Amino acid sequence: MGACASSSCGRSNQSQNQKSSKVAAVPATPAVPASASPETEEKSSFKWRIDGFSSLLDKQDGWTDSGYFEIKGLKWYLQLNLKDRKRGDKRDYVSLILVLSKTSDLKSDIVVEASFKLLIYDQAYGKHSKHEFSHHFQTEESRSSGVSCMIPVETLKEPSSGFIVGDSCVFGVELIKLTITKAKHSSDKVQVQKTNGFSTREAYTWVIDDFLALKGRCYSPEFEIGGHKWYLTMYPSGIDDSGEFLSLYLHMAKPEASLRSSESEVLVELSLSIKDQVTSNINTKTGWCQFLATTEEGDGWGWAKFMAVKSVKDWYLVKGSCLVEADVAIVGSSKME
């Protein structure tokens, strides 16, 4: 969801195979420069208070995780990014993600359909920033709700907003509805459609003429595979701008107006590769991911540490040029009815 790139392998985001630097993925407070203390509120909501928030604003790169919390018998955690971006927007955004923890004891064919609100609490005036979502969490393919750019960081920091009080900020989630179904069977809400094996594989090649001249996040042209439009994003110096690793992601583009009446999820097998145009040098990473086709743009999935920048420069450039290839096979889909 949203048009942000996640700093993960398996998502977004956005699906946590290689989730950026996972600051806290244990049932404890996050090990961040600030002192964070999550607290539960009844059984259908969770509040995550982060004290010393200015330290996080100044120093955070990538995603920060809350401790585990339990709602409706399942374990979850929140992920926060204070330096996310929307496509074509140079401002930093606050992104918040709900993730179904791998510690939740569910079989691989189970789908958890959840409707929920992600919140940034206005501690002074009670005018909270609320964003409502629906997502099908699957124990293997899609544990993350996907990236959501909620508000600009500059809005969060405004003294009149009430979001930051006494150098603390509070984030949270409220569960509205939860249904558990089997992926191979239909319910009155979700019908999962599995294809018979792989669809025809298709590949797109993005030719980068001058890799050394790239700055910041770069976008490929849009391309179509399996009836959906996609684009690639690359961070030539890494999503953390450290210059150590190149970051690479595939995104689902915003659907055309004629396709916006219904929401669907697409499960794909994806391979992303970087190769030169002369020799057989190629670096490939492969994974499974699930994309949500909505009126929003840019549900993304990929690798924050796709490969070392030094290796790209030493082995994959021919006169400064290299090729990026996305190989996609759609293997299943689900629709909300």
C-alpha atoms as a PDB file:
ATOM      1  CA  MET A   1       0.000   0.000   0.000  1.00  0.00           C
ATOM      2  CA  GLY A   2       1.232   3.476  -0.668  1.00  0.00           C
ATOM      3  CA  ALA A   3       3.946   4.499  -3.061  1.00  0.00           C
ATOM      4  CA  CYS A   4       6.926   3.959  -0.828  1.00  0.00           C
ATOM      5  CA  ALA A   5       9.764   1.539  -1.243  1.00  0.00           C
ATOM      6  CA  SER A   6      10.244  -0.845   1.620  1.00  0.00           C
ATOM      7  CA  SER A   7      13.704  -1.717   2.808  1.00  0.00           C
ATOM      8  CA  SER A   8      13.058  -5.426   2.902  1.00  0.00           C
ATOM      9  CA  CYS A   9      13.470  -8.759   1.267  1.00  0.00           C
ATOM     10  CA  GLY A  10       9.875  -9.935   1.097  1.00  0.00           C
ATOM     11  CA  ARG A  11       8.521  -6.472   1.445  1.00  0.00           C
ATOM     12  CA  SER A  12       7.922  -4.217   1.943  1.00  0.00           C
ATOM     13  CA  ASN A  13       8.332  -3.789   2.580  1.00  0.00           C
ATOM     14  CA  GLN A  14       7.189  -4.820   2.624  1.00  0.00           C
ATOM     15  CA  SER A  15       7.826 -10.961   3.820  1.00  0.00           C
ATOM     16  CA  GLN A  16      10.483 -10.141   6.372  1.00  0.00           C
ATOM     17  CA  ASN A  17      13.293 -12.303   4.953  1.00  0.00           C
ATOM     18  CA  GLN A  18      15.828  -9.495   5.094  1.00  0.00           C
ATOM     19  CA  LYS A  19      13.979  -6.595   6.635  1.00  0.00           C
ATOM     20  CA  SER A  20      16.461  -3.706   6.757  1.00  0.00           C
ATOM     21  CA  SER A  21      18.112  -3.435  10.141  1.00  0.00           C
ATOM     22  CA  LYS A  22      15.629  -5.094  12.445  1.00  0.00           C
ATOM     23  CA  VAL A  23      16.101  -3.018  15.564  1.00  0.00           C
ATOM     24  CA  ALA A  24      13.807  -5.049  17.753  1.00  0.00           C
ATOM     25  CA  ALA A  25      12.220  -8.302  16.654  1.00  0.00           C
ATOM     26  CA  VAL A  26      11.917  -9.781  20.128  1.00  0.00           C
ATOM     27  CA  PRO A  27       9.211  -9.250  22.741  1.00  0.00           C
ATOM     28  CA  ALA A  28      11.047  -6.332  24.282  1.00  0.00           C
ATOM     29  CA  THR A  29      11.492  -2.608  23.757  1.00  0.00           C
ATOM     30  CA  PRO A  30      13.316  -1.601  20.560  1.00  0.00           C
ATOM     31  CA  ALA A  31      17.071  -1.170  20.860  1.00  0.00           C
ATOM     32  CA  VAL A  32      17.082   2.336  19.409  1.00  0.00           C
ATOM     33  CA  PRO A  33      18.752   5.535  20.599  1.00  0.00           C
ATOM     34  CA  ALA A  34      15.447   6.475  22.176  1.00  0.00           C
ATOM     35  CA  SER A  35      13.816   4.633  25.054  1.00  0.00           C
ATOM     36  CA  ALA A  36      10.711   2.966  23.622  1.00  0.00           C
ATOM     37  CA  SER A  37       8.062   1.353  25.766  1.00  0.00           C
ATOM     38  CA  PRO A  38       5.168  -0.430  23.999  1.00  0.00           C
ATOM     39  CA  GLU A  39       1.997  -0.930  25.956  1.00  0.00           C
ATOM     40  CA  THR A  40      -1.147  -2.838  25.128  1.00  0.00           C
ATOM     41  CA  GLU A  41      -4.625  -1.398  25.308  1.00  0.00           C
ATOM     42  CA  GLU A  42      -7.285  -4.062  25.827  1.00  0.00           C
ATOM     43  CA  LYS A  43      -7.274  -6.944  23.343  1.00  0.00           C
ATOM     44  CA  SER A  44      -8.037  -5.192  20.070  1.00  0.00           C
ATOM     45  CA  SER A  45      -5.475  -2.396  20.096  1.00  0.00           C
ATOM     46  CA  PHE A  46      -1.846  -1.643  20.812  1.00  0.00           C
ATOM     47  CA  LYS A  47      -0.011   1.577  21.655  1.00  0.00           C
ATOM     48  CA  TRP A  48       3.706   2.061  21.111  1.00  0.00           C
ATOM     49  CA  ARG A  49       5.151   5.042  22.985  1.00  0.00           C
ATOM     50  CA  ILE A  50       8.665   6.101  22.002  1.00  0.00           C
ATOM     51  CA  ASP A  51      10.401   8.401  24.467  1.00  0.00           C
ATOM     52  CA  GLY A  52      13.476  10.389  23.493  1.00  0.00           C
ATOM     53  CA  PHE A  53      11.890  10.626  20.062  1.00  0.00           C
ATOM     54  CA  SER A  54      14.214  13.392  18.832  1.00  0.00           C
ATOM     55  CA  SER A  55      17.118  10.934  18.837  1.00  0.00           C
ATOM     56  CA  LEU A  56      15.190   8.649  16.509  1.00  0.00           C
ATOM     57  CA  LEU A  57      14.291  11.550  14.226  1.00  0.00           C
ATOM     58  CA  ASP A  58      17.927  12.605  13.962  1.00  0.00           C
ATOM     59  CA  LYS A  59      19.548   9.206  13.528  1.00  0.00           C
ATOM     60  CA  GLN A  60      17.097   6.652  12.203  1.00  0.00           C
ATOM     61  CA  ASP A  61      17.765   4.938   8.883  1.00  0.00           C
ATOM     62  CA  GLY A  62      15.468   2.192   7.651  1.00  0.00           C
ATOM     63  CA  TRP A  63      12.903   0.506   9.853  1.00  0.00           C
ATOM     64  CA  THR A  64      12.456   0.363  13.631  1.00  0.00           C
ATOM     65  CA  ASP A  65      10.430  -2.487  15.149  1.00  0.00           C
ATOM     66  CA  SER A  66       8.219  -2.479  18.208  1.00  0.00           C
ATOM     67  CA  GLY A  67       8.205  -5.418  20.586  1.00  0.00           C
ATOM     68  CA  TYR A  68       5.758  -8.242  20.013  1.00  0.00           C
ATOM     69  CA  PHE A  69       2.150  -7.782  21.149  1.00  0.00           C
ATOM     70  CA  GLU A  70      -0.860 -10.088  21.059  1.00  0.00           C
ATOM     71  CA  ILE A  71      -4.260  -9.322  19.543  1.00  0.00           C
ATOM     72  CA  LYS A  72      -6.955 -11.975  19.137  1.00  0.00           C
ATOM     73  CA  GLY A  73      -4.547 -14.760  20.006  1.00  0.00           C
ATOM     74  CA  LEU A  74      -1.998 -13.806  17.325  1.00  0.00           C
ATOM     75  CA  LYS A  75       1.386 -12.146  17.776  1.00  0.00           C
ATOM     76  CA  TRP A  76       2.156  -8.983  15.823  1.00  0.00           C
ATOM     77  CA  TYR A  77       4.627  -6.106  15.742  1.00  0.00           C
ATOM     78  CA  LEU A  78       4.734  -2.636  14.210  1.00  0.00           C
ATOM     79  CA  GLN A  79       7.457  -1.232  11.976  1.00  0.00           C
ATOM     80  CA  LEU A  80       8.208   2.482  11.742  1.00  0.00           C
ATOM     81  CA  ASN A  81      10.169   4.437   9.129  1.00  0.00           C
ATOM     82  CA  LEU A  82      10.696   8.199   9.486  1.00  0.00           C
ATOM     83  CA  LYS A  83      12.563   8.647   6.215  1.00  0.00           C
ATOM     84  CA  ASP A  84      10.288   7.070   3.633  1.00  0.00           C
ATOM     85  CA  ARG A  85       9.461   8.685   0.302  1.00  0.00           C
ATOM     86  CA  LYS A  86       6.557   8.896  -2.102  1.00  0.00           C
ATOM     87  CA  ARG A  87       7.253   8.653  -5.788  1.00  0.00           C
ATOM     88  CA  GLY A  88       8.009  12.118  -7.162  1.00  0.00           C
ATOM     89  CA  ASP A  89       8.020  13.687  -3.669  1.00  0.00           C
ATOM     90  CA  LYS A  90      11.304  14.692  -2.044  1.00  0.00           C
ATOM     91  CA  ARG A  91       9.864  15.045   1.446  1.00  0.00           C
ATOM     92  CA  ASP A  92      10.411  12.461   4.193  1.00  0.00           C
ATOM     93  CA  TYR A  93       7.268  10.594   5.257  1.00  0.00           C
ATOM     94  CA  VAL A  94       6.229   8.613   8.318  1.00  0.00           C
ATOM     95  CA  SER A  95       5.478   5.023   7.326  1.00  0.00           C
ATOM     96  CA  LEU A  96       3.902   2.499   9.663  1.00  0.00           C
ATOM     97  CA  ILE A  97       3.426  -1.227   8.954  1.00  0.00           C
ATOM     98  CA  LEU A  98       1.594  -4.008  10.787  1.00  0.00           C
ATOM     99  CA  VAL A  99       3.379  -7.378  10.619  1.00  0.00           C
ATOM    100  CA  LEU A 100       2.093 -10.827  11.592  1.00  0.00           C
ATOM    101  CA  SER A 101       4.907 -12.416  13.575  1.00  0.00           C
ATOM    102  CA  LYS A 102       6.414 -15.749  12.565  1.00  0.00           C
ATOM    103  CA  THR A 103       5.949 -16.810  16.194  1.00  0.00           C
ATOM    104  CA  SER A 104       2.189 -17.031  15.569  1.00  0.00           C
ATOM    105  CA  ASP A 105       1.464 -20.756  15.421  1.00  0.00           C
ATOM    106  CA  LEU A 106      -0.454 -20.989  12.139  1.00  0.00           C
ATOM    107  CA  LYS A 107      -0.332 -23.524   9.344  1.00  0.00           C
ATOM    108  CA  SER A 108       1.071 -22.459   5.982  1.00  0.00           C
ATOM    109  CA  ASP A 109      -2.334 -22.565   4.228  1.00  0.00           C
ATOM    110  CA  ILE A 110      -3.987 -20.120   6.643  1.00  0.00           C
ATOM    111  CA  VAL A 111      -5.037 -16.623   5.592  1.00  0.00           C
ATOM    112  CA  VAL A 112      -5.682 -14.008   8.285  1.00  0.00           C
ATOM    113  CA  GLU A 113      -7.985 -11.332   6.870  1.00  0.00           C
ATOM    114  CA  ALA A 114      -7.738  -8.191   8.993  1.00  0.00           C
ATOM    115  CA  SER A 115      -9.292  -4.750   8.846  1.00  0.00           C
ATOM    116  CA  PHE A 116      -7.437  -2.291  11.049  1.00  0.00           C
ATOM    117  CA  LYS A 117      -6.434   1.305  11.655  1.00  0.00           C
ATOM    118  CA  LEU A 118      -2.858   2.532  11.950  1.00  0.00           C
ATOM    119  CA  LEU A 119      -2.586   5.618  14.131  1.00  0.00           C
ATOM    120  CA  ILE A 120      -0.307   8.452  15.121  1.00  0.00           C
ATOM    121  CA  TYR A 121      -1.725   9.818  18.374  1.00  0.00           C
ATOM    122  CA  ASP A 122      -2.273  13.541  18.875  1.00  0.00           C
ATOM    123  CA  GLN A 123      -1.400  13.732  22.567  1.00  0.00           C
ATOM    124  CA  ALA A 124      -2.492  17.351  23.002  1.00  0.00           C
ATOM    125  CA  TYR A 125      -5.753  17.777  21.133  1.00  0.00           C
ATOM    126  CA  GLY A 126      -6.947  14.259  20.384  1.00  0.00           C
ATOM    127  CA  LYS A 127      -6.921  14.818  16.612  1.00  0.00           C
ATOM    128  CA  HIS A 128      -5.194  11.536  15.790  1.00  0.00           C
ATOM    129  CA  SER A 129      -3.912  10.665  12.325  1.00  0.00           C
ATOM    130  CA  LYS A 130      -5.826   7.509  11.376  1.00  0.00           C
ATOM    131  CA  HIS A 131      -5.448   5.394   8.259  1.00  0.00           C
ATOM    132  CA  GLU A 132      -7.707   2.373   7.702  1.00  0.00           C
ATOM    133  CA  PHE A 133      -6.544  -0.739   5.844  1.00  0.00           C
ATOM    134  CA  SER A 134      -7.572  -4.266   4.942  1.00  0.00           C
ATOM    135  CA  HIS A 135      -4.974  -6.944   4.304  1.00  0.00           C
ATOM    136  CA  HIS A 136      -4.757 -10.722   3.922  1.00  0.00           C
ATOM    137  CA  PHE A 137      -1.861 -11.894   6.072  1.00  0.00           C
ATOM    138  CA  GLN A 138      -0.516 -15.279   5.012  1.00  0.00           C
ATOM    139  CA  THR A 139       1.939 -17.229   7.112  1.00  0.00           C
ATOM    140  CA  GLU A 140       4.447 -17.621   4.291  1.00  0.00           C
ATOM    141  CA  GLU A 141       3.725 -15.237   1.412  1.00  0.00           C
ATOM    142  CA  SER A 142       2.525 -11.996   2.992  1.00  0.00           C
ATOM    143  CA  ARG A 143       3.133 -11.299   6.649  1.00  0.00           C
ATOM    144  CA  SER A 144       3.412  -7.533   6.207  1.00  0.00           C
ATOM    145  CA  SER A 145       0.576  -5.102   5.556  1.00  0.00           C
ATOM    146  CA  GLY A 146       2.811  -3.202   3.140  1.00  0.00           C
ATOM    147  CA  VAL A 147       4.264   0.269   3.281  1.00  0.00           C
ATOM    148  CA  SER A 148       2.022   3.224   4.000  1.00  0.00           C
ATOM    149  CA  CYS A 149       3.225   6.820   3.827  1.00  0.00           C
ATOM    150  CA  MET A 150       0.945   8.351   6.455  1.00  0.00           C
ATOM    151  CA  ILE A 151       1.996  11.983   6.928  1.00  0.00           C
ATOM    152  CA  PRO A 152       5.070  14.088   6.087  1.00  0.00           C
ATOM    153  CA  VAL A 153       7.676  14.134   8.848  1.00  0.00           C
ATOM    154  CA  GLU A 154       7.510  17.951   8.820  1.00  0.00           C
ATOM    155  CA  THR A 155       3.832  17.699   9.799  1.00  0.00           C
ATOM    156  CA  LEU A 156       4.682  15.283  12.590  1.00  0.00           C
ATOM    157  CA  LYS A 157       7.238  17.757  13.971  1.00  0.00           C
ATOM    158  CA  GLU A 158       4.969  20.817  13.956  1.00  0.00           C
ATOM    159  CA  PRO A 159       4.510  22.003  17.582  1.00  0.00           C
ATOM    160  CA  SER A 160       0.837  22.718  16.917  1.00  0.00           C
ATOM    161  CA  SER A 161       0.150  19.140  15.791  1.00  0.00           C
ATOM    162  CA  GLY A 162       0.352  17.571  19.243  1.00  0.00           C
ATOM    163  CA  PHE A 163       2.022  14.458  17.852  1.00  0.00           C
ATOM    164  CA  ILE A 164       5.268  15.016  19.769  1.00  0.00           C
ATOM    165  CA  VAL A 165       4.856  16.015  23.403  1.00  0.00           C
ATOM    166  CA  GLY A 166       7.699  16.029  25.933  1.00  0.00           C
ATOM    167  CA  ASP A 167       9.964  14.380  23.353  1.00  0.00           C
ATOM    168  CA  SER A 168       7.650  11.368  23.105  1.00  0.00           C
ATOM    169  CA  CYS A 169       5.503  10.133  20.237  1.00  0.00           C
ATOM    170  CA  VAL A 170       2.812   7.438  20.279  1.00  0.00           C
ATOM    171  CA  PHE A 171       1.920   5.107  17.432  1.00  0.00           C
ATOM    172  CA  GLY A 172      -0.645   2.343  17.438  1.00  0.00           C
ATOM    173  CA  VAL A 173      -3.005  -0.070  15.743  1.00  0.00           C
ATOM    174  CA  GLU A 174      -6.703  -0.771  16.312  1.00  0.00           C
ATOM    175  CA  LEU A 175      -8.152  -4.032  15.006  1.00  0.00           C
ATOM    176  CA  ILE A 176     -11.612  -3.615  13.489  1.00  0.00           C
ATOM    177  CA  LYS A 177     -12.292  -7.119  12.173  1.00  0.00           C
ATOM    178  CA  LEU A 178     -10.361 -10.369  11.870  1.00  0.00           C
ATOM    179  CA  THR A 179     -11.282 -13.548   9.977  1.00  0.00           C
ATOM    180  CA  ILE A 180      -9.158 -16.685   9.640  1.00  0.00           C
ATOM    181  CA  THR A 181      -9.686 -18.874   6.560  1.00  0.00           C
ATOM    182  CA  LYS A 182      -7.868 -21.551   4.599  1.00  0.00           C
ATOM    183  CA  ALA A 183      -6.170 -20.349   1.431  1.00  0.00           C
ATOM    184  CA  LYS A 184      -7.508 -23.234  -0.677  1.00  0.00           C
ATOM    185  CA  HIS A 185     -11.142 -22.688   0.245  1.00  0.00           C
ATOM    186  CA  SER A 186     -13.547 -19.798  -0.143  1.00  0.00           C
ATOM    187  CA  SER A 187     -15.264 -17.921   2.658  1.00  0.00           C
ATOM    188  CA  ASP A 188     -17.990 -15.331   2.467  1.00  0.00           C
ATOM    189  CA  LYS A 189     -15.316 -12.644   2.325  1.00  0.00           C
ATOM    190  CA  VAL A 190     -12.263 -14.031   0.563  1.00  0.00           C
ATOM    191  CA  GLN A 191     -11.858 -16.293  -2.422  1.00  0.00           C
ATOM    192  CA  VAL A 192      -8.323 -17.343  -3.180  1.00  0.00           C
ATOM    193  CA  GLN A 193      -7.627 -18.372  -6.758  1.00  0.00           C
ATOM    194  CA  LYS A 194      -4.547 -20.493  -7.390  1.00  0.00           C
ATOM    195  CA  THR A 195      -3.199 -20.915 -10.890  1.00  0.00           C
ATOM    196  CA  ASN A 196      -2.271 -24.338 -12.202  1.00  0.00           C
ATOM    197  CA  GLY A 197       1.497 -23.994 -11.955  1.00  0.00           C
ATOM    198  CA  PHE A 198       3.309 -20.896 -13.151  1.00  0.00           C
ATOM    199  CA  SER A 199       1.967 -18.429 -15.642  1.00  0.00           C
ATOM    200  CA  THR A 200       4.146 -17.741 -18.642  1.00  0.00           C
ATOM    201  CA  ARG A 201       7.342 -16.178 -17.408  1.00  0.00           C
ATOM    202  CA  GLU A 202       8.052 -12.690 -18.643  1.00  0.00           C
ATOM    203  CA  ALA A 203      11.105 -10.532 -18.138  1.00  0.00           C
ATOM    204  CA  TYR A 204      11.813  -6.819 -18.365  1.00  0.00           C
ATOM    205  CA  THR A 205      15.275  -5.343 -18.881  1.00  0.00           C
ATOM    206  CA  TRP A 206      16.149  -1.867 -17.634  1.00  0.00           C
ATOM    207  CA  VAL A 207      19.206  -0.448 -19.405  1.00  0.00           C
ATOM    208  CA  ILE A 208      21.153   1.985 -17.217  1.00  0.00           C
ATOM    209  CA  ASP A 209      23.499   3.985 -19.425  1.00  0.00           C
ATOM    210  CA  ASP A 210      25.581   5.770 -16.775  1.00  0.00           C
ATOM    211  CA  PHE A 211      25.452   4.026 -13.399  1.00  0.00           C
ATOM    212  CA  LEU A 212      28.140   6.252 -11.868  1.00  0.00           C
ATOM    213  CA  ALA A 213      26.019   9.351 -12.480  1.00  0.00           C
ATOM    214  CA  LEU A 214      22.997   8.046 -10.544  1.00  0.00           C
ATOM    215  CA  LYS A 215      22.008   9.897  -7.371  1.00  0.00           C
ATOM    216  CA  GLY A 216      19.356   8.968  -4.834  1.00  0.00           C
ATOM    217  CA  ARG A 217      16.393   6.784  -5.746  1.00  0.00           C
ATOM    218  CA  CYS A 218      16.029   5.985  -9.459  1.00  0.00           C
ATOM    219  CA  TYR A 219      12.966   4.701 -11.307  1.00  0.00           C
ATOM    220  CA  SER A 220      12.688   2.481 -14.356  1.00  0.00           C
ATOM    221  CA  PRO A 221      10.016   3.068 -17.009  1.00  0.00           C
ATOM    222  CA  GLU A 222       6.751   1.247 -16.331  1.00  0.00           C
ATOM    223  CA  PHE A 223       6.282  -2.158 -17.945  1.00  0.00           C
ATOM    224  CA  GLU A 224       3.477  -4.726 -18.097  1.00  0.00           C
ATOM    225  CA  ILE A 225       3.637  -8.364 -17.014  1.00  0.00           C
ATOM    226  CA  GLY A 226       0.684 -10.640 -16.308  1.00  0.00           C
ATOM    227  CA  GLY A 227      -1.885  -7.918 -16.924  1.00  0.00           C
ATOM    228  CA  HIS A 228      -0.399  -5.612 -14.275  1.00  0.00           C
ATOM    229  CA  LYS A 229       1.906  -2.633 -14.594  1.00  0.00           C
ATOM    230  CA  TRP A 230       5.181  -2.548 -12.684  1.00  0.00           C
ATOM    231  CA  TYR A 231       8.306  -0.480 -12.232  1.00  0.00           C
ATOM    232  CA  LEU A 232      11.697  -0.929 -10.586  1.00  0.00           C
ATOM    233  CA  THR A 233      13.423   1.334  -8.096  1.00  0.00           C
ATOM    234  CA  MET A 234      17.123   1.364  -7.378  1.00  0.00           C
ATOM    235  CA  TYR A 235      19.144   3.053  -4.664  1.00  0.00           C
ATOM    236  CA  PRO A 236      22.674   3.054  -6.146  1.00  0.00           C
ATOM    237  CA  SER A 237      24.174   3.974  -2.758  1.00  0.00           C
ATOM    238  CA  GLY A 238      21.718   1.906  -0.724  1.00  0.00           C
ATOM    239  CA  ILE A 239      18.401   2.853   0.853  1.00  0.00           C
ATOM    240  CA  ASP A 240      20.420   4.056   3.859  1.00  0.00           C
ATOM    241  CA  ASP A 241      22.724   6.068   1.541  1.00  0.00           C
ATOM    242  CA  SER A 242      25.770   4.411   3.118  1.00  0.00           C
ATOM    243  CA  GLY A 243      27.373   3.648  -0.229  1.00  0.00           C
ATOM    244  CA  GLU A 244      28.040   0.058   0.834  1.00  0.00           C
ATOM    245  CA  PHE A 245      25.153  -1.872  -0.710  1.00  0.00           C
ATOM    246  CA  LEU A 246      22.913  -1.275  -3.709  1.00  0.00           C
ATOM    247  CA  SER A 247      19.170  -1.611  -2.955  1.00  0.00           C
ATOM    248  CA  LEU A 248      16.722  -2.908  -5.578  1.00  0.00           C
ATOM    249  CA  TYR A 249      12.908  -3.300  -5.562  1.00  0.00           C
ATOM    250  CA  LEU A 250       9.975  -4.226  -7.782  1.00  0.00           C
ATOM    251  CA  HIS A 251       6.767  -2.180  -7.389  1.00  0.00           C
ATOM    252  CA  MET A 252       3.227  -2.646  -8.606  1.00  0.00           C
ATOM    253  CA  ALA A 253       2.103   0.588 -10.271  1.00  0.00           C
ATOM    254  CA  LYS A 254      -1.213   2.302  -9.701  1.00  0.00           C
ATOM    255  CA  PRO A 255      -3.905   0.504 -11.734  1.00  0.00           C
ATOM    256  CA  GLU A 256      -5.825   2.223 -14.496  1.00  0.00           C
ATOM    257  CA  ALA A 257      -9.194   3.763 -13.649  1.00  0.00           C
ATOM    258  CA  SER A 258     -11.099   0.858 -15.225  1.00  0.00           C
ATOM    259  CA  LEU A 259      -9.436  -1.591 -12.830  1.00  0.00           C
ATOM    260  CA  ARG A 260      -9.930   0.332  -9.575  1.00  0.00           C
ATOM    261  CA  SER A 261     -13.376  -0.985  -8.642  1.00  0.00           C
ATOM    262  CA  SER A 262     -12.010  -4.037  -6.812  1.00  0.00           C
ATOM    263  CA  GLU A 263      -8.940  -4.946  -4.832  1.00  0.00           C
ATOM    264  CA  SER A 264      -6.908  -8.045  -5.579  1.00  0.00           C
ATOM    265  CA  GLU A 265      -3.681  -9.593  -4.383  1.00  0.00           C
ATOM    266  CA  VAL A 266      -1.160 -11.122  -6.757  1.00  0.00           C
ATOM    267  CA  LEU A 267       1.343 -13.760  -5.666  1.00  0.00           C
ATOM    268  CA  VAL A 268       4.482 -13.840  -7.819  1.00  0.00           C
ATOM    269  CA  GLU A 269       7.808 -15.569  -8.020  1.00  0.00           C
ATOM    270  CA  LEU A 270      10.342 -12.844  -8.678  1.00  0.00           C
ATOM    271  CA  SER A 271      13.973 -12.792  -9.729  1.00  0.00           C
ATOM    272  CA  LEU A 272      15.926  -9.542  -9.872  1.00  0.00           C
ATOM    273  CA  SER A 273      19.306  -9.523 -11.608  1.00  0.00           C
ATOM    274  CA  ILE A 274      22.141  -7.163 -12.426  1.00  0.00           C
ATOM    275  CA  LYS A 275      24.380  -8.086 -15.346  1.00  0.00           C
ATOM    276  CA  ASP A 276      26.763  -6.503 -17.804  1.00  0.00           C
ATOM    277  CA  GLN A 277      26.161  -6.321 -21.544  1.00  0.00           C
ATOM    278  CA  VAL A 278      29.246  -8.185 -22.735  1.00  0.00           C
ATOM    279  CA  THR A 279      30.341 -10.972 -20.394  1.00  0.00           C
ATOM    280  CA  SER A 280      28.293 -13.555 -18.508  1.00  0.00           C
ATOM    281  CA  ASN A 281      28.617 -11.723 -15.181  1.00  0.00           C
ATOM    282  CA  ILE A 282      25.228 -11.816 -13.435  1.00  0.00           C
ATOM    283  CA  ASN A 283      24.019 -11.424  -9.865  1.00  0.00           C
ATOM    284  CA  THR A 284      20.504 -12.722  -9.128  1.00  0.00           C
ATOM    285  CA  LYS A 285      18.222 -12.914  -6.099  1.00  0.00           C
ATOM    286  CA  THR A 286      14.910 -14.800  -6.116  1.00  0.00           C
ATOM    287  CA  GLY A 287      11.923 -14.820  -3.799  1.00  0.00           C
ATOM    288  CA  TRP A 288       8.153 -15.089  -3.474  1.00  0.00           C
ATOM    289  CA  CYS A 289       6.076 -12.017  -2.734  1.00  0.00           C
ATOM    290  CA  GLN A 290       2.480 -10.840  -2.690  1.00  0.00           C
ATOM    291  CA  PHE A 291       1.392  -7.496  -4.121  1.00  0.00           C
ATOM    292  CA  LEU A 292      -1.882  -5.710  -3.371  1.00  0.00           C
ATOM    293  CA  ALA A 293      -3.459  -3.967  -6.376  1.00  0.00           C
ATOM    294  CA  THR A 294      -5.332  -0.926  -5.031  1.00  0.00           C
ATOM    295  CA  THR A 295      -6.027   2.665  -5.969  1.00  0.00           C
ATOM    296  CA  GLU A 296      -2.763   3.517  -4.244  1.00  0.00           C
ATOM    297  CA  GLU A 297       0.525   3.253  -6.084  1.00  0.00           C
ATOM    298  CA  GLY A 298       3.732   1.401  -5.529  1.00  0.00           C
ATOM    299  CA  ASP A 299       3.394  -1.698  -3.349  1.00  0.00           C
ATOM    300  CA  GLY A 300       7.066  -2.743  -3.312  1.00  0.00           C
ATOM    301  CA  TRP A 301       9.213  -5.796  -2.584  1.00  0.00           C
ATOM    302  CA  GLY A 302      12.953  -6.359  -2.866  1.00  0.00           C
ATOM    303  CA  TRP A 303      16.327  -6.314  -1.165  1.00  0.00           C
ATOM    304  CA  ALA A 304      17.945  -3.525   0.865  1.00  0.00           C
ATOM    305  CA  LYS A 305      21.332  -5.248   0.468  1.00  0.00           C
ATOM    306  CA  PHE A 306      21.011  -6.571  -3.061  1.00  0.00           C
ATOM    307  CA  MET A 307      24.780  -6.506  -3.666  1.00  0.00           C
ATOM    308  CA  ALA A 308      27.880  -4.555  -2.743  1.00  0.00           C
ATOM    309  CA  VAL A 309      28.259  -1.286  -4.643  1.00  0.00           C
ATOM    310  CA  LYS A 310      31.978  -2.024  -5.103  1.00  0.00           C
ATOM    311  CA  SER A 311      31.128  -5.302  -6.864  1.00  0.00           C
ATOM    312  CA  VAL A 312      28.801  -3.504  -9.267  1.00  0.00           C
ATOM    313  CA  LYS A 313      31.530  -1.033 -10.169  1.00  0.00           C
ATOM    314  CA  ASP A 314      34.251  -3.691 -10.453  1.00  0.00           C
ATOM    315  CA  TRP A 315      32.431  -6.442 -12.349  1.00  0.00           C
ATOM    316  CA  TYR A 316      29.126  -5.300 -13.874  1.00  0.00           C
ATOM    317  CA  LEU A 317      29.783  -2.018 -15.685  1.00  0.00           C
ATOM    318  CA  VAL A 318      30.685  -1.794 -19.368  1.00  0.00           C
ATOM    319  CA  LYS A 319      31.614   1.778 -20.219  1.00  0.00           C
ATOM    320  CA  GLY A 320      29.574   2.821 -17.189  1.00  0.00           C
ATOM    321  CA  SER A 321      26.481   0.909 -18.336  1.00  0.00           C
ATOM    322  CA  CYS A 322      24.742  -2.122 -16.817  1.00  0.00           C
ATOM    323  CA  LEU A 323      21.465  -4.037 -17.127  1.00  0.00           C
ATOM    324  CA  VAL A 324      18.819  -4.685 -14.464  1.00  0.00           C
ATOM    325  CA  GLU A 325      16.394  -7.505 -15.204  1.00  0.00           C
ATOM    326  CA  ALA A 326      13.096  -8.401 -13.530  1.00  0.00           C
ATOM    327  CA  ASP A 327      11.851 -11.931 -14.207  1.00  0.00           C
ATOM    328  CA  VAL A 328       8.263 -12.376 -12.996  1.00  0.00           C
ATOM    329  CA  ALA A 329       5.870 -15.329 -12.931  1.00  0.00           C
ATOM    330  CA  ILE A 330       2.383 -14.851 -11.452  1.00  0.00           C
ATOM    331  CA  VAL A 331       1.518 -18.000  -9.517  1.00  0.00           C
ATOM    332  CA  GLY A 332      -1.703 -17.086  -7.702  1.00  0.00           C
ATOM    333  CA  SER A 333      -4.170 -14.371  -6.800  1.00  0.00           C
ATOM    334  CA  SER A 334      -6.963 -13.524  -4.379  1.00  0.00           C
ATOM    335  CA  LYS A 335      -9.866 -11.108  -4.569  1.00  0.00           C
ATOM    336  CA  MET A 336     -11.921  -9.287  -1.966  1.00  0.00           C
ATOM    337  CA  GLU A 337     -15.624  -9.673  -2.629  1.00  0.00           C
END
